Amino acid sequence: MNNLIRGVAEVRLVGENIEPGVYKLADALRFAEEQEVDLVEISPNAEPPVCKLMDYGKFLYQQKKREKELKAKSSQVVIKEIRFGPQTDEHDYEFKKKNALKFLQEGSKLKAFVFFKGRSIIYKEQGQILLLRLAQDLEEYGKVESMPVLEGKRMIIYIASKKKVK
């Protein structure tokens, strides 16, 4: 216990089955021993330092249990990608749109991008039109998080699912 090291004579004691107040350190340790709990320093900077009588092992266990429950309740965002070329034909577009629809209905986030190879970068307007068309076709199932943005040789759009995942 670092109170013993610092040479503090008195502590403010709180906890169950004890009258809150200022006690001598030896008395506080005796109370902890009698109740078979730990004397835990809560606020070392207070005058006198605040200590609590508690089962520290049980406290740590409950804290880990709470963190585990919170982690279980939080949902992870899954990002699915769909890749287009700047001159994707109608059948391929419909096929990829169907997959995008399935991803959004699952509750995943969609990252659709047009990949420009070589000199196809001159068709960036076509790529933008393609992504905006996809966003418009899927607006019932997802909402656009960001408009099409050109990053290097890719034009990217993000669409988040409107459906809440359980």
N, C-alpha and C. Protein backbone atom coordinates (compact mmCIF):
# COMPACT_ATOMS: atom_id res chain seq x y z
N MET A 1 0.86 -1.18 0.00
CA MET A 1 0.00 0.00 0.00
C MET A 1 0.89 1.23 0.00
N ASN A 2 0.64 2.16 -0.94
CA ASN A 2 1.56 3.29 -1.02
C ASN A 2 1.30 4.34 0.05
N ASN A 3 0.20 4.23 0.81
CA ASN A 3 0.00 5.13 1.95
C ASN A 3 1.08 4.89 3.01
N LEU A 4 1.44 3.63 3.17
CA LEU A 4 2.47 3.30 4.16
C LEU A 4 3.81 3.87 3.74
N ILE A 5 4.07 3.88 2.47
CA ILE A 5 5.33 4.40 1.95
C ILE A 5 5.39 5.91 2.13
N ARG A 6 4.29 6.59 1.89
CA ARG A 6 4.27 8.04 2.00
C ARG A 6 4.22 8.52 3.45
N GLY A 7 3.94 7.62 4.36
CA GLY A 7 3.91 7.99 5.77
C GLY A 7 2.68 8.78 6.16
N VAL A 8 1.53 8.52 5.54
CA VAL A 8 0.29 9.21 5.89
C VAL A 8 -0.27 8.58 7.15
N ALA A 9 -0.65 9.41 8.08
CA ALA A 9 -1.16 8.90 9.36
C ALA A 9 -2.66 8.61 9.32
N GLU A 10 -3.43 9.43 8.57
CA GLU A 10 -4.89 9.29 8.56
C GLU A 10 -5.41 9.19 7.13
N VAL A 11 -6.54 8.52 6.98
CA VAL A 11 -7.22 8.41 5.68
C VAL A 11 -8.71 8.64 5.87
N ARG A 12 -9.34 9.15 4.82
CA ARG A 12 -10.81 9.27 4.83
C ARG A 12 -11.32 7.95 4.29
N LEU A 13 -12.14 7.27 5.06
CA LEU A 13 -12.58 5.92 4.74
C LEU A 13 -14.04 5.92 4.31
N VAL A 14 -14.33 5.24 3.19
CA VAL A 14 -15.70 5.05 2.70
C VAL A 14 -15.86 3.57 2.36
N GLY A 15 -17.09 3.15 2.23
CA GLY A 15 -17.34 1.76 1.86
C GLY A 15 -18.58 1.23 2.55
N GLU A 16 -18.89 -0.03 2.29
CA GLU A 16 -20.04 -0.67 2.89
C GLU A 16 -19.70 -1.11 4.31
N ASN A 17 -20.70 -1.15 5.17
CA ASN A 17 -20.57 -1.61 6.56
C ASN A 17 -19.56 -0.80 7.36
N ILE A 18 -19.41 0.48 7.03
CA ILE A 18 -18.47 1.33 7.77
C ILE A 18 -19.03 2.74 7.79
N GLU A 19 -18.87 3.41 8.91
CA GLU A 19 -19.30 4.81 9.03
C GLU A 19 -18.24 5.67 8.31
N PRO A 20 -18.62 6.40 7.25
CA PRO A 20 -17.65 7.24 6.55
C PRO A 20 -17.05 8.28 7.50
N GLY A 21 -15.75 8.47 7.38
CA GLY A 21 -15.08 9.43 8.23
C GLY A 21 -13.57 9.31 8.12
N VAL A 22 -12.87 10.09 8.93
CA VAL A 22 -11.41 10.08 8.94
C VAL A 22 -10.95 9.12 10.04
N TYR A 23 -10.10 8.14 9.64
CA TYR A 23 -9.60 7.14 10.57
C TYR A 23 -8.08 7.08 10.48
N LYS A 24 -7.47 6.57 11.53
CA LYS A 24 -6.03 6.31 11.49
C LYS A 24 -5.80 5.17 10.50
N LEU A 25 -4.65 5.18 9.85
CA LEU A 25 -4.34 4.18 8.83
C LEU A 25 -4.36 2.77 9.42
N ALA A 26 -3.87 2.59 10.62
CA ALA A 26 -3.86 1.27 11.26
C ALA A 26 -5.28 0.77 11.49
N ASP A 27 -6.20 1.68 11.89
CA ASP A 27 -7.60 1.29 12.10
C ASP A 27 -8.24 0.89 10.77
N ALA A 28 -7.95 1.65 9.71
CA ALA A 28 -8.52 1.35 8.40
C ALA A 28 -8.06 -0.02 7.92
N LEU A 29 -6.79 -0.33 8.12
CA LEU A 29 -6.27 -1.64 7.72
C LEU A 29 -6.92 -2.75 8.55
N ARG A 30 -7.14 -2.49 9.82
CA ARG A 30 -7.78 -3.47 10.70
C ARG A 30 -9.23 -3.73 10.24
N PHE A 31 -9.97 -2.65 9.91
CA PHE A 31 -11.35 -2.81 9.40
C PHE A 31 -11.35 -3.68 8.14
N ALA A 32 -10.40 -3.43 7.24
CA ALA A 32 -10.32 -4.19 6.00
C ALA A 32 -10.06 -5.67 6.29
N GLU A 33 -9.18 -5.93 7.23
CA GLU A 33 -8.85 -7.31 7.59
C GLU A 33 -10.04 -8.01 8.23
N GLU A 34 -10.75 -7.30 9.12
CA GLU A 34 -11.93 -7.88 9.80
C GLU A 34 -13.02 -8.25 8.79
N GLN A 35 -13.24 -7.39 7.81
CA GLN A 35 -14.30 -7.62 6.82
C GLN A 35 -13.82 -8.48 5.64
N GLU A 36 -12.54 -8.87 5.66
CA GLU A 36 -11.94 -9.67 4.59
C GLU A 36 -12.11 -9.02 3.22
N VAL A 37 -11.81 -7.72 3.16
CA VAL A 37 -11.83 -6.97 1.90
C VAL A 37 -10.51 -6.21 1.78
N ASP A 38 -10.36 -5.49 0.70
CA ASP A 38 -9.12 -4.74 0.46
C ASP A 38 -9.33 -3.26 0.78
N LEU A 39 -8.27 -2.60 1.16
CA LEU A 39 -8.29 -1.16 1.37
C LEU A 39 -7.69 -0.53 0.12
N VAL A 40 -8.55 0.11 -0.69
CA VAL A 40 -8.13 0.63 -1.98
C VAL A 40 -8.10 2.16 -1.93
N GLU A 41 -6.98 2.73 -2.34
CA GLU A 41 -6.83 4.18 -2.36
C GLU A 41 -7.54 4.72 -3.61
N ILE A 42 -8.55 5.58 -3.41
CA ILE A 42 -9.33 6.12 -4.51
C ILE A 42 -8.79 7.46 -4.98
N SER A 43 -8.55 8.33 -4.02
CA SER A 43 -8.09 9.67 -4.36
C SER A 43 -6.84 10.01 -3.54
N PRO A 44 -5.66 9.75 -4.12
CA PRO A 44 -4.42 9.96 -3.37
C PRO A 44 -4.09 11.44 -3.14
N ASN A 45 -4.62 12.33 -3.97
CA ASN A 45 -4.27 13.75 -3.87
C ASN A 45 -5.13 14.52 -2.87
N ALA A 46 -6.19 13.88 -2.36
CA ALA A 46 -7.06 14.56 -1.40
C ALA A 46 -6.34 14.66 -0.05
N GLU A 47 -6.84 15.53 0.80
CA GLU A 47 -6.23 15.71 2.13
C GLU A 47 -7.28 15.43 3.19
N PRO A 48 -7.28 14.39 3.95
CA PRO A 48 -6.39 13.22 3.83
C PRO A 48 -6.82 12.34 2.64
N PRO A 49 -5.95 11.42 2.18
CA PRO A 49 -6.28 10.56 1.03
C PRO A 49 -7.56 9.75 1.29
N VAL A 50 -8.35 9.53 0.23
CA VAL A 50 -9.61 8.79 0.35
C VAL A 50 -9.35 7.33 0.00
N CYS A 51 -9.80 6.43 0.89
CA CYS A 51 -9.66 5.00 0.67
C CYS A 51 -11.04 4.35 0.78
N LYS A 52 -11.20 3.22 0.11
CA LYS A 52 -12.49 2.53 0.13
C LYS A 52 -12.27 1.07 0.49
N LEU A 53 -13.18 0.56 1.31
CA LEU A 53 -13.16 -0.86 1.64
C LEU A 53 -13.96 -1.60 0.57
N MET A 54 -13.29 -2.49 -0.18
CA MET A 54 -13.97 -3.22 -1.25
C MET A 54 -13.20 -4.47 -1.60
N ASP A 55 -13.90 -5.41 -2.24
CA ASP A 55 -13.24 -6.62 -2.75
C ASP A 55 -12.70 -6.26 -4.13
N TYR A 56 -11.41 -6.00 -4.20
CA TYR A 56 -10.81 -5.48 -5.43
C TYR A 56 -10.86 -6.50 -6.57
N GLY A 57 -10.67 -7.77 -6.27
CA GLY A 57 -10.74 -8.82 -7.29
C GLY A 57 -12.12 -8.88 -7.92
N LYS A 58 -13.15 -8.78 -7.08
CA LYS A 58 -14.54 -8.81 -7.57
C LYS A 58 -14.81 -7.57 -8.43
N PHE A 59 -14.27 -6.41 -8.00
CA PHE A 59 -14.43 -5.17 -8.74
C PHE A 59 -13.83 -5.30 -10.14
N LEU A 60 -12.61 -5.84 -10.23
CA LEU A 60 -11.97 -6.01 -11.54
C LEU A 60 -12.76 -6.97 -12.43
N TYR A 61 -13.26 -8.05 -11.82
CA TYR A 61 -14.06 -9.03 -12.57
C TYR A 61 -15.31 -8.38 -13.16
N GLN A 62 -16.03 -7.59 -12.34
CA GLN A 62 -17.25 -6.93 -12.81
C GLN A 62 -16.95 -5.91 -13.90
N GLN A 63 -15.82 -5.22 -13.76
CA GLN A 63 -15.43 -4.23 -14.76
C GLN A 63 -15.16 -4.91 -16.11
N LYS A 64 -14.44 -6.02 -16.09
CA LYS A 64 -14.16 -6.77 -17.33
C LYS A 64 -15.45 -7.29 -17.95
N LYS A 65 -16.36 -7.74 -17.08
CA LYS A 65 -17.64 -8.27 -17.55
C LYS A 65 -18.45 -7.18 -18.25
N ARG A 66 -18.47 -5.97 -17.65
CA ARG A 66 -19.18 -4.83 -18.26
C ARG A 66 -18.58 -4.47 -19.61
N GLU A 67 -17.24 -4.43 -19.69
CA GLU A 67 -16.58 -4.10 -20.95
C GLU A 67 -16.90 -5.13 -22.02
N LYS A 68 -16.94 -6.40 -21.62
CA LYS A 68 -17.25 -7.47 -22.56
C LYS A 68 -18.68 -7.33 -23.09
N GLU A 69 -19.63 -6.98 -22.21
CA GLU A 69 -21.02 -6.77 -22.63
C GLU A 69 -21.13 -5.61 -23.59
N LEU A 70 -20.43 -4.51 -23.30
CA LEU A 70 -20.46 -3.35 -24.19
C LEU A 70 -19.88 -3.69 -25.56
N LYS A 71 -18.81 -4.48 -25.55
CA LYS A 71 -18.18 -4.87 -26.81
C LYS A 71 -19.13 -5.76 -27.62
N ALA A 72 -19.86 -6.64 -26.94
CA ALA A 72 -20.80 -7.53 -27.61
C ALA A 72 -21.97 -6.75 -28.21
N LYS A 73 -22.38 -5.67 -27.53
CA LYS A 73 -23.51 -4.87 -28.02
C LYS A 73 -23.14 -3.99 -29.20
N SER A 74 -21.87 -3.59 -29.28
CA SER A 74 -21.46 -2.70 -30.37
C SER A 74 -21.38 -3.50 -31.67
N SER A 75 -21.81 -2.89 -32.74
CA SER A 75 -21.79 -3.57 -34.03
C SER A 75 -20.60 -3.11 -34.84
N GLN A 76 -20.05 -4.03 -35.61
CA GLN A 76 -18.92 -3.69 -36.45
C GLN A 76 -19.43 -3.34 -37.84
N VAL A 77 -18.85 -2.32 -38.42
CA VAL A 77 -19.25 -1.89 -39.75
C VAL A 77 -18.44 -2.70 -40.76
N VAL A 78 -19.15 -3.38 -41.64
CA VAL A 78 -18.51 -4.16 -42.69
C VAL A 78 -18.59 -3.35 -43.97
N ILE A 79 -17.45 -3.20 -44.63
CA ILE A 79 -17.42 -2.45 -45.89
C ILE A 79 -17.22 -3.44 -47.02
N LYS A 80 -18.18 -3.45 -47.94
CA LYS A 80 -18.10 -4.31 -49.13
C LYS A 80 -17.75 -3.42 -50.31
N GLU A 81 -16.94 -3.95 -51.21
CA GLU A 81 -16.50 -3.16 -52.37
C GLU A 81 -17.08 -3.71 -53.65
N ILE A 82 -17.38 -2.79 -54.55
CA ILE A 82 -17.81 -3.15 -55.90
C ILE A 82 -16.99 -2.31 -56.87
N ARG A 83 -16.41 -2.99 -57.87
CA ARG A 83 -15.52 -2.32 -58.81
C ARG A 83 -16.16 -2.26 -60.20
N PHE A 84 -16.08 -1.09 -60.78
CA PHE A 84 -16.57 -0.88 -62.13
C PHE A 84 -15.41 -0.41 -63.01
N GLY A 85 -15.58 -0.57 -64.31
CA GLY A 85 -14.70 0.07 -65.28
C GLY A 85 -15.44 1.29 -65.81
N PRO A 86 -14.75 2.23 -66.42
CA PRO A 86 -15.45 3.44 -66.90
C PRO A 86 -16.46 3.14 -68.01
N GLN A 87 -16.28 2.05 -68.73
CA GLN A 87 -17.22 1.72 -69.81
C GLN A 87 -17.92 0.39 -69.53
N THR A 88 -18.42 0.24 -68.29
CA THR A 88 -19.15 -0.97 -67.91
C THR A 88 -20.46 -1.01 -68.69
N ASP A 89 -20.73 -2.17 -69.30
CA ASP A 89 -21.97 -2.26 -70.10
C ASP A 89 -23.16 -2.53 -69.19
N GLU A 90 -24.34 -2.50 -69.77
CA GLU A 90 -25.60 -2.55 -69.03
C GLU A 90 -25.76 -3.83 -68.20
N HIS A 91 -25.47 -4.98 -68.80
CA HIS A 91 -25.65 -6.24 -68.08
C HIS A 91 -24.74 -6.32 -66.86
N ASP A 92 -23.46 -5.96 -67.02
CA ASP A 92 -22.53 -5.97 -65.89
C ASP A 92 -22.98 -4.99 -64.81
N TYR A 93 -23.47 -3.83 -65.23
CA TYR A 93 -23.95 -2.83 -64.26
C TYR A 93 -25.10 -3.40 -63.44
N GLU A 94 -26.07 -4.04 -64.11
CA GLU A 94 -27.23 -4.60 -63.42
C GLU A 94 -26.81 -5.70 -62.45
N PHE A 95 -25.86 -6.54 -62.87
CA PHE A 95 -25.37 -7.63 -62.02
C PHE A 95 -24.70 -7.07 -60.76
N LYS A 96 -23.86 -6.07 -60.93
CA LYS A 96 -23.16 -5.47 -59.79
C LYS A 96 -24.12 -4.67 -58.91
N LYS A 97 -25.12 -4.06 -59.52
CA LYS A 97 -26.13 -3.33 -58.75
C LYS A 97 -26.91 -4.30 -57.86
N LYS A 98 -27.20 -5.49 -58.38
CA LYS A 98 -27.91 -6.50 -57.61
C LYS A 98 -27.08 -6.93 -56.40
N ASN A 99 -25.78 -7.11 -56.59
CA ASN A 99 -24.90 -7.45 -55.47
C ASN A 99 -24.83 -6.31 -54.46
N ALA A 100 -24.75 -5.09 -54.94
CA ALA A 100 -24.71 -3.92 -54.06
C ALA A 100 -25.98 -3.85 -53.22
N LEU A 101 -27.11 -4.12 -53.85
CA LEU A 101 -28.39 -4.13 -53.15
C LEU A 101 -28.40 -5.18 -52.04
N LYS A 102 -27.85 -6.37 -52.34
CA LYS A 102 -27.77 -7.44 -51.35
C LYS A 102 -26.89 -7.01 -50.17
N PHE A 103 -25.76 -6.36 -50.45
CA PHE A 103 -24.86 -5.90 -49.39
C PHE A 103 -25.56 -4.88 -48.48
N LEU A 104 -26.28 -3.94 -49.08
CA LEU A 104 -26.96 -2.91 -48.31
C LEU A 104 -28.09 -3.51 -47.47
N GLN A 105 -28.78 -4.52 -48.01
CA GLN A 105 -29.85 -5.16 -47.25
C GLN A 105 -29.31 -5.96 -46.08
N GLU A 106 -28.06 -6.44 -46.19
CA GLU A 106 -27.41 -7.14 -45.07
C GLU A 106 -27.01 -6.16 -43.97
N GLY A 107 -26.95 -4.87 -44.30
CA GLY A 107 -26.56 -3.86 -43.32
C GLY A 107 -25.11 -3.42 -43.49
N SER A 108 -24.46 -3.87 -44.54
CA SER A 108 -23.07 -3.49 -44.78
C SER A 108 -22.99 -2.12 -45.42
N LYS A 109 -21.81 -1.54 -45.35
CA LYS A 109 -21.54 -0.27 -46.01
C LYS A 109 -20.96 -0.61 -47.38
N LEU A 110 -21.27 0.19 -48.38
CA LEU A 110 -20.84 -0.10 -49.74
C LEU A 110 -19.81 0.92 -50.21
N LYS A 111 -18.73 0.41 -50.75
CA LYS A 111 -17.70 1.27 -51.36
C LYS A 111 -17.68 0.88 -52.84
N ALA A 112 -18.24 1.73 -53.67
CA ALA A 112 -18.25 1.48 -55.10
C ALA A 112 -17.20 2.36 -55.74
N PHE A 113 -16.43 1.78 -56.66
CA PHE A 113 -15.42 2.61 -57.32
C PHE A 113 -15.25 2.23 -58.77
N VAL A 114 -14.88 3.23 -59.54
CA VAL A 114 -14.55 3.05 -60.94
C VAL A 114 -13.03 3.11 -61.02
N PHE A 115 -12.44 2.06 -61.59
CA PHE A 115 -10.98 2.00 -61.70
C PHE A 115 -10.58 2.37 -63.12
N PHE A 116 -9.75 3.38 -63.23
CA PHE A 116 -9.31 3.86 -64.53
C PHE A 116 -7.93 3.27 -64.82
N LYS A 117 -7.84 2.53 -65.94
CA LYS A 117 -6.57 1.91 -66.34
C LYS A 117 -5.99 2.69 -67.50
N GLY A 118 -4.70 2.94 -67.43
CA GLY A 118 -4.02 3.59 -68.55
C GLY A 118 -4.64 4.91 -68.93
N ARG A 119 -5.01 5.04 -70.20
CA ARG A 119 -5.56 6.30 -70.70
C ARG A 119 -7.06 6.44 -70.48
N SER A 120 -7.67 5.45 -69.86
CA SER A 120 -9.12 5.52 -69.63
C SER A 120 -9.49 6.65 -68.66
N ILE A 121 -8.50 7.31 -68.06
CA ILE A 121 -8.76 8.42 -67.15
C ILE A 121 -9.48 9.56 -67.87
N ILE A 122 -9.40 9.58 -69.21
CA ILE A 122 -10.10 10.63 -69.96
C ILE A 122 -11.62 10.45 -69.88
N TYR A 123 -12.07 9.27 -69.41
CA TYR A 123 -13.51 9.02 -69.28
C TYR A 123 -14.00 9.22 -67.85
N LYS A 124 -13.36 10.11 -67.09
CA LYS A 124 -13.76 10.27 -65.69
C LYS A 124 -15.18 10.80 -65.54
N GLU A 125 -15.68 11.55 -66.52
CA GLU A 125 -17.09 11.99 -66.47
C GLU A 125 -18.02 10.79 -66.54
N GLN A 126 -17.68 9.81 -67.40
CA GLN A 126 -18.50 8.60 -67.50
C GLN A 126 -18.49 7.83 -66.18
N GLY A 127 -17.34 7.79 -65.53
CA GLY A 127 -17.23 7.11 -64.24
C GLY A 127 -18.10 7.79 -63.19
N GLN A 128 -18.08 9.12 -63.19
CA GLN A 128 -18.89 9.87 -62.23
C GLN A 128 -20.37 9.64 -62.50
N ILE A 129 -20.76 9.65 -63.76
CA ILE A 129 -22.17 9.41 -64.12
C ILE A 129 -22.59 8.01 -63.67
N LEU A 130 -21.71 7.03 -63.87
CA LEU A 130 -22.00 5.65 -63.48
C LEU A 130 -22.22 5.53 -61.96
N LEU A 131 -21.36 6.16 -61.18
CA LEU A 131 -21.49 6.08 -59.72
C LEU A 131 -22.73 6.82 -59.23
N LEU A 132 -23.02 7.96 -59.83
CA LEU A 132 -24.23 8.71 -59.43
C LEU A 132 -25.49 7.94 -59.80
N ARG A 133 -25.45 7.25 -60.93
CA ARG A 133 -26.59 6.42 -61.33
C ARG A 133 -26.79 5.29 -60.32
N LEU A 134 -25.68 4.66 -59.90
CA LEU A 134 -25.77 3.60 -58.90
C LEU A 134 -26.36 4.14 -57.59
N ALA A 135 -25.90 5.31 -57.17
CA ALA A 135 -26.41 5.91 -55.93
C ALA A 135 -27.91 6.19 -56.05
N GLN A 136 -28.32 6.66 -57.21
CA GLN A 136 -29.74 6.97 -57.43
C GLN A 136 -30.57 5.68 -57.44
N ASP A 137 -30.05 4.63 -58.04
CA ASP A 137 -30.78 3.36 -58.10
C ASP A 137 -30.90 2.72 -56.71
N LEU A 138 -29.94 2.99 -55.83
CA LEU A 138 -29.94 2.36 -54.50
C LEU A 138 -30.41 3.29 -53.39
N GLU A 139 -30.93 4.48 -53.74
CA GLU A 139 -31.28 5.46 -52.71
C GLU A 139 -32.37 4.97 -51.76
N GLU A 140 -33.18 4.02 -52.18
CA GLU A 140 -34.23 3.46 -51.33
C GLU A 140 -33.63 2.61 -50.19
N TYR A 141 -32.46 2.02 -50.43
CA TYR A 141 -31.85 1.09 -49.48
C TYR A 141 -30.64 1.66 -48.74
N GLY A 142 -30.05 2.73 -49.28
CA GLY A 142 -28.88 3.30 -48.64
C GLY A 142 -28.77 4.78 -48.93
N LYS A 143 -27.99 5.47 -48.10
CA LYS A 143 -27.80 6.90 -48.35
C LYS A 143 -26.34 7.17 -48.65
N VAL A 144 -26.11 8.10 -49.53
CA VAL A 144 -24.75 8.43 -49.97
C VAL A 144 -24.04 9.19 -48.85
N GLU A 145 -22.88 8.68 -48.46
CA GLU A 145 -22.09 9.34 -47.42
C GLU A 145 -21.16 10.38 -48.02
N SER A 146 -20.63 10.09 -49.21
CA SER A 146 -19.77 11.06 -49.87
C SER A 146 -19.98 10.96 -51.38
N MET A 147 -19.96 12.09 -52.02
CA MET A 147 -20.12 12.12 -53.48
C MET A 147 -18.88 11.54 -54.14
N PRO A 148 -18.96 11.16 -55.43
CA PRO A 148 -17.80 10.56 -56.10
C PRO A 148 -16.57 11.47 -56.04
N VAL A 149 -15.47 10.89 -55.60
CA VAL A 149 -14.21 11.63 -55.46
C VAL A 149 -13.12 10.85 -56.19
N LEU A 150 -12.31 11.55 -56.96
CA LEU A 150 -11.22 10.91 -57.68
C LEU A 150 -9.99 10.87 -56.79
N GLU A 151 -9.52 9.65 -56.48
CA GLU A 151 -8.31 9.45 -55.68
C GLU A 151 -7.35 8.62 -56.52
N GLY A 152 -6.36 9.27 -57.09
CA GLY A 152 -5.42 8.56 -57.96
C GLY A 152 -6.13 8.08 -59.21
N LYS A 153 -6.14 6.76 -59.41
CA LYS A 153 -6.81 6.19 -60.60
C LYS A 153 -8.18 5.61 -60.25
N ARG A 154 -8.69 5.95 -59.08
CA ARG A 154 -10.00 5.45 -58.65
C ARG A 154 -10.94 6.60 -58.36
N MET A 155 -12.20 6.44 -58.76
CA MET A 155 -13.25 7.37 -58.37
C MET A 155 -14.15 6.59 -57.42
N ILE A 156 -14.27 7.10 -56.18
CA ILE A 156 -14.91 6.33 -55.11
C ILE A 156 -16.16 7.03 -54.59
N ILE A 157 -17.18 6.22 -54.27
CA ILE A 157 -18.39 6.71 -53.61
C ILE A 157 -18.71 5.74 -52.47
N TYR A 158 -19.15 6.28 -51.33
CA TYR A 158 -19.54 5.46 -50.19
C TYR A 158 -21.05 5.56 -49.99
N ILE A 159 -21.68 4.41 -49.79
CA ILE A 159 -23.12 4.36 -49.55
C ILE A 159 -23.34 3.54 -48.28
N ALA A 160 -24.02 4.15 -47.29
CA ALA A 160 -24.31 3.47 -46.03
C ALA A 160 -25.71 2.89 -46.08
N SER A 161 -25.89 1.75 -45.46
CA SER A 161 -27.18 1.07 -45.43
C SER A 161 -28.17 1.87 -44.55
N LYS A 162 -29.41 1.93 -45.00
CA LYS A 162 -30.46 2.57 -44.18
C LYS A 162 -31.01 1.59 -43.16
N LYS A 163 -30.83 0.29 -43.40
CA LYS A 163 -31.35 -0.75 -42.52
C LYS A 163 -30.47 -0.86 -41.29
N LYS A 164 -31.10 -0.96 -40.11
CA LYS A 164 -30.36 -1.13 -38.87
C LYS A 164 -30.10 -2.60 -38.65
N VAL A 165 -28.85 -2.95 -38.33
CA VAL A 165 -28.47 -4.34 -38.08
C VAL A 165 -28.77 -4.70 -36.64
N LYS A 166 -29.33 -5.88 -36.42
CA LYS A 166 -29.64 -6.31 -35.05
C LYS A 166 -28.64 -7.32 -34.58
